[in-house]
Structures are given as C-alpha cells and as structure tokens.
Amino acid sequence: MMTSESCLALIAYEKVSVSNEFSEKDIRTLVKNETHLPVRRLDRFTLLSLLAVYRLFNNSSELFTQSSKPLSLYSAAEYLSVELFQSVIASMKNEESIRPFDFIATVGNAANFYIAKEFNIKGPNIFIGASEQPFLKSCALAEMDFLEGYSSQSIIIVWSITESSRQCYAFIIERCEREIADRTNNAGNYLSIDELIKKNLPITTPTYIQKLF
C-alpha cells in the first residue's frame, strides 16, 4: 500500500575526518589547499565544518533547489573548540591580551557565522549544544522552520570526536511530498543516524522519514 504524505528527506551528506594527531596548522593547510577560502584565524571546529560544507556544495550542487525560500543552517555539538577555549582562559589567567578573533570563535555560533558568510546562506541559522541525538534535534528545528515557510531546504552540521579522530558531517535535508510505502523509515531512523555518527559508520542516502510534527 502506498500513501502520499509530507516527509523529511535526507538527500546527501559529506564527512570530513582527520586524525587527532593533526595540529590546527595541519588542518588549516588542508582546508586552505582544497577550498582556497580565507582560514587564517579559524579554529579546528570551524575549519572542519567549512570543509564539509564546501564539499557538500561541490559534490551535490545539483540537489540544491532554486527556491524563493532561503537555505537554512543548523548545527549541533556536545562541545565547542576545547583547545581554543582553554587558550583564552590561559591568556586571561596570565593577564595577556585576547585576540578578538579567538574570542569570537569561542561563541557557539561562530562556525555558523563563517559558513553562512562564505556560502551565502541567508535563512534561519542556529547552533545548539546537544550531548544526545544532535542530528534528531537539528532536524526538529529545521522542520519547524519548514512548516513556517522560512525555508524548504537545510544544511545540518554535526561534529563528533572519537579516540583517534575528529569528524564533521554536513547534511542536506528537505521537506517533500512523496509516495511512501508503509514500511518507509519513520522518525526513529533519525536516532539510527545519530548512532551511525557516534560509531563513525556510513549513512545511506536518500532516506525518507515521516515528519516529526
């Protein structure tokens, strides 16, 4: 039996993974060489997200619709840039000057700011701290903005760290009307995507998911 209903679709993603042994300079060189973006003062947190979104635009450009509604951006992580935050605290303790760009980068939405600026993303723009189900929670925010008509497609960014590496995922999701089989993945599938991120495993696209609201 087939039914037509509104759903969310995860249509593409890119993942950037680097060893924990990479220094900030190593990552900066990697991102600069591939993207040619200005990355001089950016921290690891922002650098990895810029590269993930850059690859998403380059490798999946045909999937971005030319809608009158702006593209939106949501990101989630359990942490910010730990090393940078520690360096700012150390500077304060030693009564040293804090570089303005370092201070800005400790703010949770700094990475979103740079991504929106470089890729001309003009829709809703939100960063959340989430220790559990960061993808699910970001998708819930995106769907609410879809329902309000603020956007029809979103980029979702999720950061993750394992014992050996750092990952950053950039996803494209959209609201769509499709003929969906009764066995179509439901909202619980979002949870499995969060588990796949946590375990550093591949994710299948496209995936159609019943609406959360």
N, C-alpha and C. Protein backbone atom coordinates (compact mmCIF):
# COMPACT_ATOMS: atom_id res chain seq x y z
N MET A 1 0.85 -1.20 0.00
CA MET A 1 0.00 0.00 0.00
C MET A 1 0.88 1.25 0.00
N MET A 2 0.57 2.18 -0.88
CA MET A 2 1.35 3.42 -0.96
C MET A 2 0.50 4.60 -0.52
N THR A 3 1.08 5.50 0.22
CA THR A 3 0.36 6.69 0.66
C THR A 3 1.19 7.92 0.34
N SER A 4 0.50 9.04 0.14
CA SER A 4 1.19 10.31 -0.11
C SER A 4 1.15 11.13 1.16
N GLU A 5 2.30 11.57 1.62
CA GLU A 5 2.34 12.37 2.84
C GLU A 5 3.59 13.24 2.83
N SER A 6 3.53 14.24 3.69
CA SER A 6 4.68 15.11 3.86
C SER A 6 5.74 14.38 4.67
N CYS A 7 6.99 14.52 4.26
CA CYS A 7 8.06 13.86 4.99
C CYS A 7 9.32 14.71 4.91
N LEU A 8 10.30 14.31 5.66
CA LEU A 8 11.63 14.90 5.56
C LEU A 8 12.52 13.94 4.79
N ALA A 9 13.38 14.48 3.97
CA ALA A 9 14.28 13.65 3.19
C ALA A 9 15.72 14.07 3.44
N LEU A 10 16.53 13.10 3.81
CA LEU A 10 17.98 13.30 3.87
C LEU A 10 18.52 12.88 2.52
N ILE A 11 19.01 13.84 1.73
CA ILE A 11 19.32 13.54 0.33
C ILE A 11 20.82 13.46 0.02
N ALA A 12 21.66 13.99 0.89
CA ALA A 12 23.10 13.90 0.64
C ALA A 12 23.86 14.31 1.90
N TYR A 13 25.10 13.85 1.98
CA TYR A 13 25.94 14.32 3.08
C TYR A 13 27.41 14.18 2.69
N GLU A 14 28.23 14.92 3.40
CA GLU A 14 29.68 14.81 3.28
C GLU A 14 30.26 14.69 4.69
N LYS A 15 31.34 13.93 4.79
CA LYS A 15 32.01 13.78 6.08
C LYS A 15 33.49 14.13 5.94
N VAL A 16 33.98 14.92 6.87
CA VAL A 16 35.41 15.22 6.95
C VAL A 16 35.94 14.54 8.20
N SER A 17 37.01 13.80 8.05
CA SER A 17 37.61 13.10 9.19
C SER A 17 39.11 13.34 9.18
N VAL A 18 39.64 13.76 10.31
CA VAL A 18 41.09 13.97 10.43
C VAL A 18 41.57 13.33 11.73
N SER A 19 42.80 12.90 11.71
CA SER A 19 43.39 12.29 12.90
C SER A 19 43.53 13.30 14.02
N ASN A 20 43.40 12.83 15.25
CA ASN A 20 43.61 13.71 16.40
C ASN A 20 45.06 14.19 16.50
N GLU A 21 45.94 13.53 15.75
CA GLU A 21 47.33 13.95 15.74
C GLU A 21 47.56 15.18 14.86
N PHE A 22 46.57 15.51 14.02
CA PHE A 22 46.69 16.71 13.17
C PHE A 22 46.68 17.95 14.06
N SER A 23 47.62 18.83 13.82
CA SER A 23 47.62 20.10 14.53
C SER A 23 46.63 21.05 13.86
N GLU A 24 46.35 22.15 14.54
CA GLU A 24 45.48 23.17 13.94
C GLU A 24 46.09 23.67 12.64
N LYS A 25 47.40 23.81 12.61
CA LYS A 25 48.08 24.26 11.38
C LYS A 25 47.91 23.24 10.27
N ASP A 26 48.00 21.94 10.59
CA ASP A 26 47.80 20.89 9.58
C ASP A 26 46.40 20.99 8.97
N ILE A 27 45.41 21.16 9.84
CA ILE A 27 44.03 21.23 9.36
C ILE A 27 43.81 22.49 8.55
N ARG A 28 44.38 23.58 9.00
CA ARG A 28 44.25 24.85 8.28
C ARG A 28 44.84 24.72 6.87
N THR A 29 46.00 24.08 6.76
CA THR A 29 46.63 23.88 5.45
C THR A 29 45.76 23.01 4.56
N LEU A 30 45.21 21.94 5.12
CA LEU A 30 44.33 21.05 4.37
C LEU A 30 43.13 21.81 3.81
N VAL A 31 42.49 22.59 4.66
CA VAL A 31 41.28 23.32 4.25
C VAL A 31 41.62 24.41 3.24
N LYS A 32 42.69 25.13 3.48
CA LYS A 32 43.08 26.21 2.57
C LYS A 32 43.42 25.67 1.19
N ASN A 33 44.16 24.56 1.13
CA ASN A 33 44.57 23.99 -0.15
C ASN A 33 43.39 23.50 -0.97
N GLU A 34 42.37 22.98 -0.29
CA GLU A 34 41.22 22.43 -1.02
C GLU A 34 40.19 23.50 -1.35
N THR A 35 39.94 24.41 -0.44
CA THR A 35 38.84 25.36 -0.63
C THR A 35 39.27 26.74 -1.12
N HIS A 36 40.52 27.12 -0.84
CA HIS A 36 41.04 28.47 -1.15
C HIS A 36 40.26 29.56 -0.43
N LEU A 37 39.62 29.19 0.69
CA LEU A 37 38.90 30.17 1.50
C LEU A 37 39.85 30.83 2.49
N PRO A 38 39.53 32.02 2.97
CA PRO A 38 40.35 32.67 3.99
C PRO A 38 40.17 31.96 5.34
N VAL A 39 41.20 31.29 5.82
CA VAL A 39 41.06 30.46 7.02
C VAL A 39 42.10 30.79 8.10
N ARG A 40 42.76 31.90 7.95
CA ARG A 40 43.93 32.18 8.77
C ARG A 40 43.70 32.09 10.27
N ARG A 41 42.62 32.65 10.77
CA ARG A 41 42.41 32.72 12.22
C ARG A 41 41.35 31.75 12.74
N LEU A 42 40.94 30.80 11.92
CA LEU A 42 39.86 29.91 12.32
C LEU A 42 40.39 28.71 13.11
N ASP A 43 39.57 28.21 14.04
CA ASP A 43 39.96 27.07 14.86
C ASP A 43 39.53 25.77 14.20
N ARG A 44 39.94 24.63 14.77
CA ARG A 44 39.64 23.31 14.20
C ARG A 44 38.14 23.12 13.99
N PHE A 45 37.38 23.52 14.97
CA PHE A 45 35.92 23.37 14.96
C PHE A 45 35.33 23.99 13.70
N THR A 46 35.71 25.21 13.42
CA THR A 46 35.19 25.94 12.26
C THR A 46 35.81 25.43 10.96
N LEU A 47 37.09 25.11 10.99
CA LEU A 47 37.79 24.64 9.78
C LEU A 47 37.14 23.37 9.23
N LEU A 48 36.89 22.40 10.10
CA LEU A 48 36.30 21.15 9.64
C LEU A 48 34.91 21.36 9.05
N SER A 49 34.13 22.23 9.67
CA SER A 49 32.78 22.48 9.15
C SER A 49 32.82 23.20 7.80
N LEU A 50 33.75 24.13 7.64
CA LEU A 50 33.88 24.80 6.35
C LEU A 50 34.20 23.81 5.24
N LEU A 51 35.12 22.88 5.53
CA LEU A 51 35.50 21.90 4.52
C LEU A 51 34.34 20.96 4.20
N ALA A 52 33.60 20.53 5.23
CA ALA A 52 32.46 19.63 4.99
C ALA A 52 31.39 20.30 4.13
N VAL A 53 31.07 21.56 4.44
CA VAL A 53 30.05 22.27 3.65
C VAL A 53 30.57 22.58 2.26
N TYR A 54 31.84 22.91 2.12
CA TYR A 54 32.44 23.15 0.81
C TYR A 54 32.28 21.91 -0.08
N ARG A 55 32.58 20.74 0.47
CA ARG A 55 32.44 19.51 -0.31
C ARG A 55 30.98 19.23 -0.65
N LEU A 56 30.09 19.56 0.28
CA LEU A 56 28.67 19.35 0.02
C LEU A 56 28.20 20.19 -1.16
N PHE A 57 28.60 21.46 -1.20
CA PHE A 57 28.22 22.33 -2.31
C PHE A 57 28.85 21.86 -3.62
N ASN A 58 30.09 21.41 -3.56
CA ASN A 58 30.78 21.00 -4.78
C ASN A 58 30.28 19.66 -5.33
N ASN A 59 30.03 18.72 -4.44
CA ASN A 59 29.68 17.36 -4.88
C ASN A 59 28.19 17.13 -5.04
N SER A 60 27.36 18.01 -4.48
CA SER A 60 25.91 17.80 -4.54
C SER A 60 25.18 19.07 -4.98
N SER A 61 25.83 19.90 -5.77
CA SER A 61 25.24 21.18 -6.17
C SER A 61 23.91 21.01 -6.88
N GLU A 62 23.75 19.89 -7.62
CA GLU A 62 22.51 19.69 -8.38
C GLU A 62 21.32 19.40 -7.47
N LEU A 63 21.58 19.10 -6.21
CA LEU A 63 20.49 18.77 -5.28
C LEU A 63 19.92 19.99 -4.59
N PHE A 64 20.62 21.10 -4.66
CA PHE A 64 20.10 22.33 -4.05
C PHE A 64 19.08 22.95 -5.00
N THR A 65 17.84 23.09 -4.54
CA THR A 65 16.79 23.63 -5.40
C THR A 65 16.89 25.14 -5.48
N GLN A 66 16.47 25.69 -6.59
CA GLN A 66 16.44 27.14 -6.77
C GLN A 66 15.11 27.66 -6.28
N SER A 67 14.91 27.61 -4.98
CA SER A 67 13.65 28.02 -4.37
C SER A 67 13.72 29.49 -4.01
N SER A 68 12.54 30.12 -3.94
CA SER A 68 12.49 31.51 -3.49
C SER A 68 12.75 31.59 -1.98
N LYS A 69 12.63 30.47 -1.30
CA LYS A 69 12.89 30.43 0.13
C LYS A 69 14.39 30.21 0.38
N PRO A 70 14.97 30.92 1.32
CA PRO A 70 16.41 30.80 1.54
C PRO A 70 16.79 29.46 2.18
N LEU A 71 18.02 29.06 1.93
CA LEU A 71 18.59 27.88 2.56
C LEU A 71 18.82 28.19 4.04
N SER A 72 18.56 27.21 4.92
CA SER A 72 18.78 27.42 6.35
C SER A 72 19.94 26.56 6.84
N LEU A 73 20.42 26.88 8.03
CA LEU A 73 21.62 26.23 8.57
C LEU A 73 21.42 25.93 10.05
N TYR A 74 21.66 24.67 10.41
CA TYR A 74 21.56 24.25 11.81
C TYR A 74 22.79 23.40 12.12
N SER A 75 23.34 23.56 13.31
CA SER A 75 24.49 22.75 13.68
C SER A 75 24.40 22.38 15.15
N ALA A 76 25.05 21.26 15.48
CA ALA A 76 24.98 20.76 16.85
C ALA A 76 26.26 20.04 17.22
N ALA A 77 26.66 20.21 18.48
CA ALA A 77 27.82 19.51 19.01
C ALA A 77 27.72 19.47 20.52
N GLU A 78 28.40 18.50 21.11
CA GLU A 78 28.43 18.40 22.56
C GLU A 78 29.40 19.41 23.16
N TYR A 79 30.26 19.92 22.35
CA TYR A 79 31.37 20.75 22.82
C TYR A 79 31.60 21.87 21.82
N LEU A 80 32.38 22.85 22.21
CA LEU A 80 32.86 23.85 21.27
C LEU A 80 34.32 23.51 20.99
N SER A 81 35.12 24.48 20.64
CA SER A 81 36.54 24.23 20.41
C SER A 81 37.24 24.23 21.77
N VAL A 82 37.47 23.04 22.32
CA VAL A 82 38.01 22.92 23.67
C VAL A 82 39.39 23.56 23.77
N GLU A 83 40.25 23.28 22.80
CA GLU A 83 41.61 23.82 22.86
C GLU A 83 41.61 25.34 22.83
N LEU A 84 40.78 25.90 21.96
CA LEU A 84 40.74 27.36 21.85
C LEU A 84 40.19 27.98 23.13
N PHE A 85 39.14 27.37 23.67
CA PHE A 85 38.55 27.89 24.90
C PHE A 85 39.57 27.87 26.04
N GLN A 86 40.35 26.80 26.11
CA GLN A 86 41.38 26.69 27.13
C GLN A 86 42.46 27.75 26.95
N SER A 87 42.81 28.04 25.70
CA SER A 87 43.85 29.04 25.44
C SER A 87 43.38 30.43 25.85
N VAL A 88 42.09 30.71 25.65
CA VAL A 88 41.54 32.00 26.06
C VAL A 88 41.58 32.13 27.59
N ILE A 89 41.21 31.05 28.29
CA ILE A 89 41.26 31.07 29.75
C ILE A 89 42.70 31.26 30.24
N ALA A 90 43.65 30.57 29.58
CA ALA A 90 45.06 30.71 29.96
C ALA A 90 45.55 32.14 29.76
N SER A 91 45.13 32.76 28.68
CA SER A 91 45.52 34.15 28.41
C SER A 91 44.98 35.08 29.50
N MET A 92 43.73 34.84 29.90
CA MET A 92 43.14 35.66 30.95
C MET A 92 43.90 35.47 32.27
N LYS A 93 44.25 34.22 32.59
CA LYS A 93 44.98 33.94 33.82
C LYS A 93 46.34 34.61 33.83
N ASN A 94 46.99 34.65 32.67
CA ASN A 94 48.32 35.24 32.57
C ASN A 94 48.27 36.74 32.29
N GLU A 95 47.05 37.28 32.32
CA GLU A 95 46.84 38.72 32.07
C GLU A 95 47.39 39.15 30.72
N GLU A 96 47.20 38.27 29.73
CA GLU A 96 47.62 38.55 28.36
C GLU A 96 46.42 39.02 27.54
N SER A 97 46.70 39.74 26.47
CA SER A 97 45.62 40.20 25.58
C SER A 97 45.00 39.01 24.85
N ILE A 98 43.69 39.04 24.71
CA ILE A 98 42.97 38.00 23.96
C ILE A 98 42.70 38.53 22.57
N ARG A 99 43.11 37.78 21.56
CA ARG A 99 42.88 38.21 20.18
C ARG A 99 41.37 38.22 19.90
N PRO A 100 40.86 39.29 19.29
CA PRO A 100 39.42 39.39 19.04
C PRO A 100 38.83 38.18 18.31
N PHE A 101 39.55 37.67 17.30
CA PHE A 101 39.02 36.53 16.54
C PHE A 101 38.97 35.27 17.40
N ASP A 102 39.90 35.13 18.33
CA ASP A 102 39.86 33.97 19.23
C ASP A 102 38.63 34.05 20.13
N PHE A 103 38.33 35.25 20.62
CA PHE A 103 37.15 35.42 21.47
C PHE A 103 35.88 35.10 20.70
N ILE A 104 35.79 35.60 19.48
CA ILE A 104 34.60 35.35 18.65
C ILE A 104 34.41 33.86 18.41
N ALA A 105 35.52 33.16 18.18
CA ALA A 105 35.45 31.73 17.86
C ALA A 105 34.99 30.88 19.04
N THR A 106 35.05 31.41 20.27
CA THR A 106 34.57 30.65 21.42
C THR A 106 33.06 30.72 21.56
N VAL A 107 32.43 31.58 20.81
CA VAL A 107 30.97 31.68 20.83
C VAL A 107 30.39 30.53 20.01
N GLY A 108 29.31 29.91 20.51
CA GLY A 108 28.81 28.69 19.89
C GLY A 108 28.45 28.81 18.42
N ASN A 109 27.95 29.97 18.00
CA ASN A 109 27.50 30.09 16.61
C ASN A 109 28.56 30.71 15.70
N ALA A 110 29.81 30.79 16.16
CA ALA A 110 30.84 31.40 15.31
C ALA A 110 31.05 30.60 14.03
N ALA A 111 31.06 29.26 14.14
CA ALA A 111 31.23 28.44 12.94
C ALA A 111 30.09 28.69 11.96
N ASN A 112 28.86 28.77 12.48
CA ASN A 112 27.71 29.06 11.62
C ASN A 112 27.88 30.41 10.92
N PHE A 113 28.41 31.39 11.65
CA PHE A 113 28.62 32.71 11.07
C PHE A 113 29.53 32.64 9.85
N TYR A 114 30.66 31.94 9.99
CA TYR A 114 31.61 31.86 8.88
C TYR A 114 31.04 31.06 7.71
N ILE A 115 30.32 29.97 8.02
CA ILE A 115 29.73 29.16 6.96
C ILE A 115 28.68 29.97 6.18
N ALA A 116 27.80 30.65 6.91
CA ALA A 116 26.77 31.47 6.26
C ALA A 116 27.41 32.55 5.39
N LYS A 117 28.48 33.14 5.89
CA LYS A 117 29.16 34.21 5.14
C LYS A 117 29.79 33.67 3.85
N GLU A 118 30.51 32.56 3.96
CA GLU A 118 31.23 32.04 2.80
C GLU A 118 30.31 31.43 1.75
N PHE A 119 29.17 30.86 2.17
CA PHE A 119 28.30 30.16 1.23
C PHE A 119 26.97 30.87 1.02
N ASN A 120 26.88 32.11 1.47
CA ASN A 120 25.73 32.97 1.21
C ASN A 120 24.42 32.32 1.65
N ILE A 121 24.42 31.79 2.87
CA ILE A 121 23.23 31.18 3.44
C ILE A 121 22.46 32.25 4.22
N LYS A 122 21.24 32.55 3.79
CA LYS A 122 20.52 33.69 4.33
C LYS A 122 19.29 33.32 5.17
N GLY A 123 19.01 32.02 5.30
CA GLY A 123 17.84 31.60 6.07
C GLY A 123 18.15 31.48 7.55
N PRO A 124 17.25 30.85 8.31
CA PRO A 124 17.48 30.64 9.74
C PRO A 124 18.85 30.00 9.98
N ASN A 125 19.48 30.39 11.09
CA ASN A 125 20.87 30.00 11.35
C ASN A 125 20.99 29.75 12.86
N ILE A 126 21.10 28.47 13.27
CA ILE A 126 21.05 28.13 14.69
C ILE A 126 22.12 27.10 15.04
N PHE A 127 22.84 27.34 16.14
CA PHE A 127 23.74 26.35 16.73
C PHE A 127 23.14 25.91 18.06
N ILE A 128 23.19 24.58 18.33
CA ILE A 128 22.74 24.08 19.62
C ILE A 128 23.82 23.19 20.23
N GLY A 129 23.90 23.20 21.55
CA GLY A 129 24.73 22.24 22.26
C GLY A 129 23.88 21.04 22.60
N ALA A 130 24.28 19.86 22.13
CA ALA A 130 23.47 18.66 22.35
C ALA A 130 24.38 17.47 22.59
N SER A 131 24.27 16.87 23.77
CA SER A 131 25.09 15.70 24.08
C SER A 131 24.45 14.42 23.56
N GLU A 132 23.14 14.45 23.32
CA GLU A 132 22.42 13.28 22.79
C GLU A 132 21.59 13.69 21.58
N GLN A 133 21.57 12.83 20.56
CA GLN A 133 20.73 12.99 19.37
C GLN A 133 20.87 14.36 18.71
N PRO A 134 22.08 14.80 18.42
CA PRO A 134 22.24 16.12 17.80
C PRO A 134 21.59 16.24 16.43
N PHE A 135 21.63 15.18 15.63
CA PHE A 135 21.01 15.23 14.30
C PHE A 135 19.50 15.31 14.43
N LEU A 136 18.92 14.47 15.29
CA LEU A 136 17.48 14.49 15.50
C LEU A 136 17.00 15.86 15.94
N LYS A 137 17.69 16.45 16.89
CA LYS A 137 17.26 17.75 17.42
C LYS A 137 17.41 18.85 16.37
N SER A 138 18.45 18.78 15.56
CA SER A 138 18.63 19.78 14.49
C SER A 138 17.53 19.64 13.45
N CYS A 139 17.17 18.40 13.12
CA CYS A 139 16.11 18.16 12.14
C CYS A 139 14.77 18.68 12.65
N ALA A 140 14.53 18.55 13.95
CA ALA A 140 13.28 19.07 14.52
C ALA A 140 13.21 20.58 14.35
N LEU A 141 14.32 21.27 14.59
CA LEU A 141 14.35 22.72 14.38
C LEU A 141 14.11 23.06 12.91
N ALA A 142 14.76 22.31 12.03
CA ALA A 142 14.61 22.57 10.60
C ALA A 142 13.17 22.38 10.15
N GLU A 143 12.54 21.31 10.64
CA GLU A 143 11.16 21.06 10.20
C GLU A 143 10.21 22.16 10.67
N MET A 144 10.42 22.67 11.87
CA MET A 144 9.57 23.76 12.34
C MET A 144 9.68 24.97 11.42
N ASP A 145 10.89 25.27 10.96
CA ASP A 145 11.06 26.39 10.03
C ASP A 145 10.49 26.07 8.66
N PHE A 146 10.54 24.79 8.25
CA PHE A 146 9.89 24.40 7.00
C PHE A 146 8.38 24.68 7.10
N LEU A 147 7.79 24.27 8.22
CA LEU A 147 6.35 24.42 8.41
C LEU A 147 5.92 25.88 8.43
N GLU A 148 6.81 26.74 8.95
CA GLU A 148 6.51 28.17 9.00
C GLU A 148 6.80 28.86 7.66
N GLY A 149 7.38 28.13 6.72
CA GLY A 149 7.65 28.69 5.40
C GLY A 149 8.92 29.51 5.31
N TYR A 150 9.80 29.38 6.30
CA TYR A 150 11.04 30.15 6.29
C TYR A 150 12.09 29.54 5.36
N SER A 151 11.96 28.26 5.08
CA SER A 151 12.96 27.57 4.28
C SER A 151 12.34 26.30 3.71
N SER A 152 12.92 25.77 2.65
CA SER A 152 12.47 24.48 2.11
C SER A 152 13.59 23.46 2.09
N GLN A 153 14.81 23.90 2.29
CA GLN A 153 15.98 23.02 2.39
C GLN A 153 16.90 23.54 3.49
N SER A 154 17.61 22.59 4.11
CA SER A 154 18.52 22.98 5.18
C SER A 154 19.84 22.22 5.08
N ILE A 155 20.88 22.85 5.57
CA ILE A 155 22.14 22.16 5.84
C ILE A 155 22.21 21.93 7.34
N ILE A 156 22.51 20.69 7.71
CA ILE A 156 22.70 20.35 9.12
C ILE A 156 24.14 19.89 9.31
N ILE A 157 24.79 20.43 10.32
CA ILE A 157 26.18 20.09 10.62
C ILE A 157 26.25 19.44 11.98
N VAL A 158 26.96 18.33 12.05
CA VAL A 158 27.16 17.64 13.33
C VAL A 158 28.64 17.32 13.48
N TRP A 159 29.21 17.70 14.63
CA TRP A 159 30.61 17.39 14.92
C TRP A 159 30.69 16.19 15.86
N SER A 160 31.78 15.42 15.74
CA SER A 160 31.96 14.26 16.59
C SER A 160 33.45 14.00 16.79
N ILE A 161 33.82 13.52 17.98
CA ILE A 161 35.21 13.18 18.26
C ILE A 161 35.29 11.76 18.80
N THR A 162 36.20 10.96 18.26
CA THR A 162 36.48 9.63 18.79
C THR A 162 37.87 9.65 19.41
N GLU A 163 38.32 8.51 19.89
CA GLU A 163 39.65 8.45 20.50
C GLU A 163 40.76 8.74 19.50
N SER A 164 40.51 8.48 18.21
CA SER A 164 41.56 8.61 17.21
C SER A 164 41.36 9.74 16.21
N SER A 165 40.13 10.27 16.10
CA SER A 165 39.90 11.25 15.03
C SER A 165 38.77 12.22 15.38
N ARG A 166 38.70 13.26 14.55
CA ARG A 166 37.62 14.24 14.62
C ARG A 166 36.82 14.14 13.32
N GLN A 167 35.49 14.19 13.46
CA GLN A 167 34.64 14.17 12.27
C GLN A 167 33.71 15.37 12.26
N CYS A 168 33.38 15.79 11.06
CA CYS A 168 32.32 16.78 10.89
C CYS A 168 31.46 16.33 9.71
N TYR A 169 30.16 16.23 9.93
CA TYR A 169 29.21 15.83 8.91
C TYR A 169 28.40 17.05 8.47
N ALA A 170 28.18 17.16 7.18
CA ALA A 170 27.29 18.19 6.63
C ALA A 170 26.22 17.49 5.80
N PHE A 171 24.96 17.68 6.16
CA PHE A 171 23.83 17.01 5.52
C PHE A 171 22.95 18.01 4.78
N ILE A 172 22.29 17.55 3.71
CA ILE A 172 21.20 18.31 3.10
C ILE A 172 19.91 17.60 3.44
N ILE A 173 18.96 18.32 4.05
CA ILE A 173 17.63 17.75 4.26
C ILE A 173 16.60 18.70 3.65
N GLU A 174 15.45 18.14 3.30
CA GLU A 174 14.39 18.96 2.73
C GLU A 174 13.04 18.37 3.10
N ARG A 175 12.02 19.20 3.04
CA ARG A 175 10.64 18.74 3.22
C ARG A 175 10.09 18.41 1.85
N CYS A 176 9.43 17.28 1.74
CA CYS A 176 8.95 16.88 0.42
C CYS A 176 7.61 16.15 0.53
N GLU A 177 6.93 16.06 -0.60
CA GLU A 177 5.71 15.28 -0.72
C GLU A 177 6.03 14.10 -1.61
N ARG A 178 5.94 12.90 -1.07
CA ARG A 178 6.30 11.72 -1.85
C ARG A 178 5.30 10.60 -1.61
N GLU A 179 5.25 9.66 -2.58
CA GLU A 179 4.51 8.43 -2.38
C GLU A 179 5.41 7.52 -1.54
N ILE A 180 4.96 7.20 -0.34
CA ILE A 180 5.80 6.49 0.60
C ILE A 180 5.18 5.15 0.97
N ALA A 181 5.97 4.09 0.89
CA ALA A 181 5.48 2.78 1.28
C ALA A 181 5.27 2.74 2.78
N ASP A 182 4.35 1.87 3.23
CA ASP A 182 4.08 1.77 4.65
C ASP A 182 5.34 1.42 5.45
N ARG A 183 6.29 0.73 4.82
CA ARG A 183 7.49 0.32 5.54
C ARG A 183 8.56 1.41 5.57
N THR A 184 8.24 2.59 5.02
CA THR A 184 9.22 3.69 5.00
C THR A 184 9.75 3.97 6.40
N ASN A 185 11.02 4.29 6.49
CA ASN A 185 11.62 4.62 7.78
C ASN A 185 10.85 5.75 8.45
N ASN A 186 10.64 5.63 9.74
CA ASN A 186 9.95 6.68 10.48
C ASN A 186 10.94 7.53 11.25
N ALA A 187 10.42 8.35 12.14
CA ALA A 187 11.30 9.29 12.84
C ALA A 187 12.38 8.59 13.64
N GLY A 188 12.15 7.33 14.02
CA GLY A 188 13.17 6.59 14.74
C GLY A 188 14.45 6.44 13.94
N ASN A 189 14.34 6.57 12.63
CA ASN A 189 15.53 6.44 11.79
C ASN A 189 16.52 7.57 12.06
N TYR A 190 16.00 8.71 12.51
CA TYR A 190 16.91 9.79 12.89
C TYR A 190 17.85 9.34 14.00
N LEU A 191 17.27 8.54 14.93
CA LEU A 191 18.08 8.06 16.04
C LEU A 191 19.19 7.16 15.54
N SER A 192 18.89 6.33 14.52
CA SER A 192 19.92 5.44 14.00
C SER A 192 21.01 6.25 13.30
N ILE A 193 20.64 7.37 12.66
CA ILE A 193 21.66 8.23 12.04
C ILE A 193 22.57 8.82 13.11
N ASP A 194 22.00 9.24 14.23
CA ASP A 194 22.82 9.71 15.33
C ASP A 194 23.77 8.62 15.82
N GLU A 195 23.28 7.37 15.84
CA GLU A 195 24.13 6.26 16.27
C GLU A 195 25.23 6.00 15.24
N LEU A 196 24.90 6.13 13.96
CA LEU A 196 25.91 5.94 12.92
C LEU A 196 27.01 6.99 13.02
N ILE A 197 26.60 8.23 13.32
CA ILE A 197 27.58 9.29 13.52
C ILE A 197 28.49 8.95 14.70
N LYS A 198 27.87 8.52 15.79
CA LYS A 198 28.62 8.21 17.01
C LYS A 198 29.62 7.08 16.78
N LYS A 199 29.23 6.11 15.93
CA LYS A 199 30.09 4.95 15.68
C LYS A 199 30.98 5.14 14.45
N ASN A 200 30.88 6.32 13.82
CA ASN A 200 31.71 6.63 12.66
C ASN A 200 31.47 5.64 11.52
N LEU A 201 30.20 5.36 11.24
CA LEU A 201 29.81 4.41 10.20
C LEU A 201 29.13 5.13 9.04
N PRO A 202 29.11 4.51 7.84
CA PRO A 202 28.49 5.17 6.68
C PRO A 202 26.98 5.30 6.83
N ILE A 203 26.42 6.30 6.14
CA ILE A 203 24.99 6.60 6.18
C ILE A 203 24.43 6.48 4.77
N THR A 204 23.28 5.85 4.64
CA THR A 204 22.66 5.66 3.33
C THR A 204 21.78 6.85 2.96
N THR A 205 21.92 7.34 1.73
CA THR A 205 21.04 8.38 1.21
C THR A 205 20.55 7.95 -0.18
N PRO A 206 19.35 8.38 -0.60
CA PRO A 206 18.42 9.20 0.19
C PRO A 206 17.67 8.36 1.22
N THR A 207 17.26 9.01 2.28
CA THR A 207 16.44 8.38 3.31
C THR A 207 15.21 9.26 3.53
N TYR A 208 14.03 8.64 3.42
CA TYR A 208 12.79 9.40 3.60
C TYR A 208 12.21 9.09 4.97
N ILE A 209 11.85 10.11 5.68
CA ILE A 209 11.48 9.97 7.08
C ILE A 209 10.17 10.70 7.33
N GLN A 210 9.26 10.05 8.02
CA GLN A 210 7.99 10.68 8.35
C GLN A 210 8.24 11.94 9.17
N LYS A 211 7.37 12.91 8.98
CA LYS A 211 7.55 14.18 9.66
C LYS A 211 7.53 14.02 11.18
N LEU A 212 8.22 14.90 11.85
CA LEU A 212 8.29 14.85 13.31
C LEU A 212 7.13 15.61 13.94
N PHE A 213 6.53 16.54 13.20
CA PHE A 213 5.44 17.36 13.75
C PHE A 213 4.23 17.28 12.84
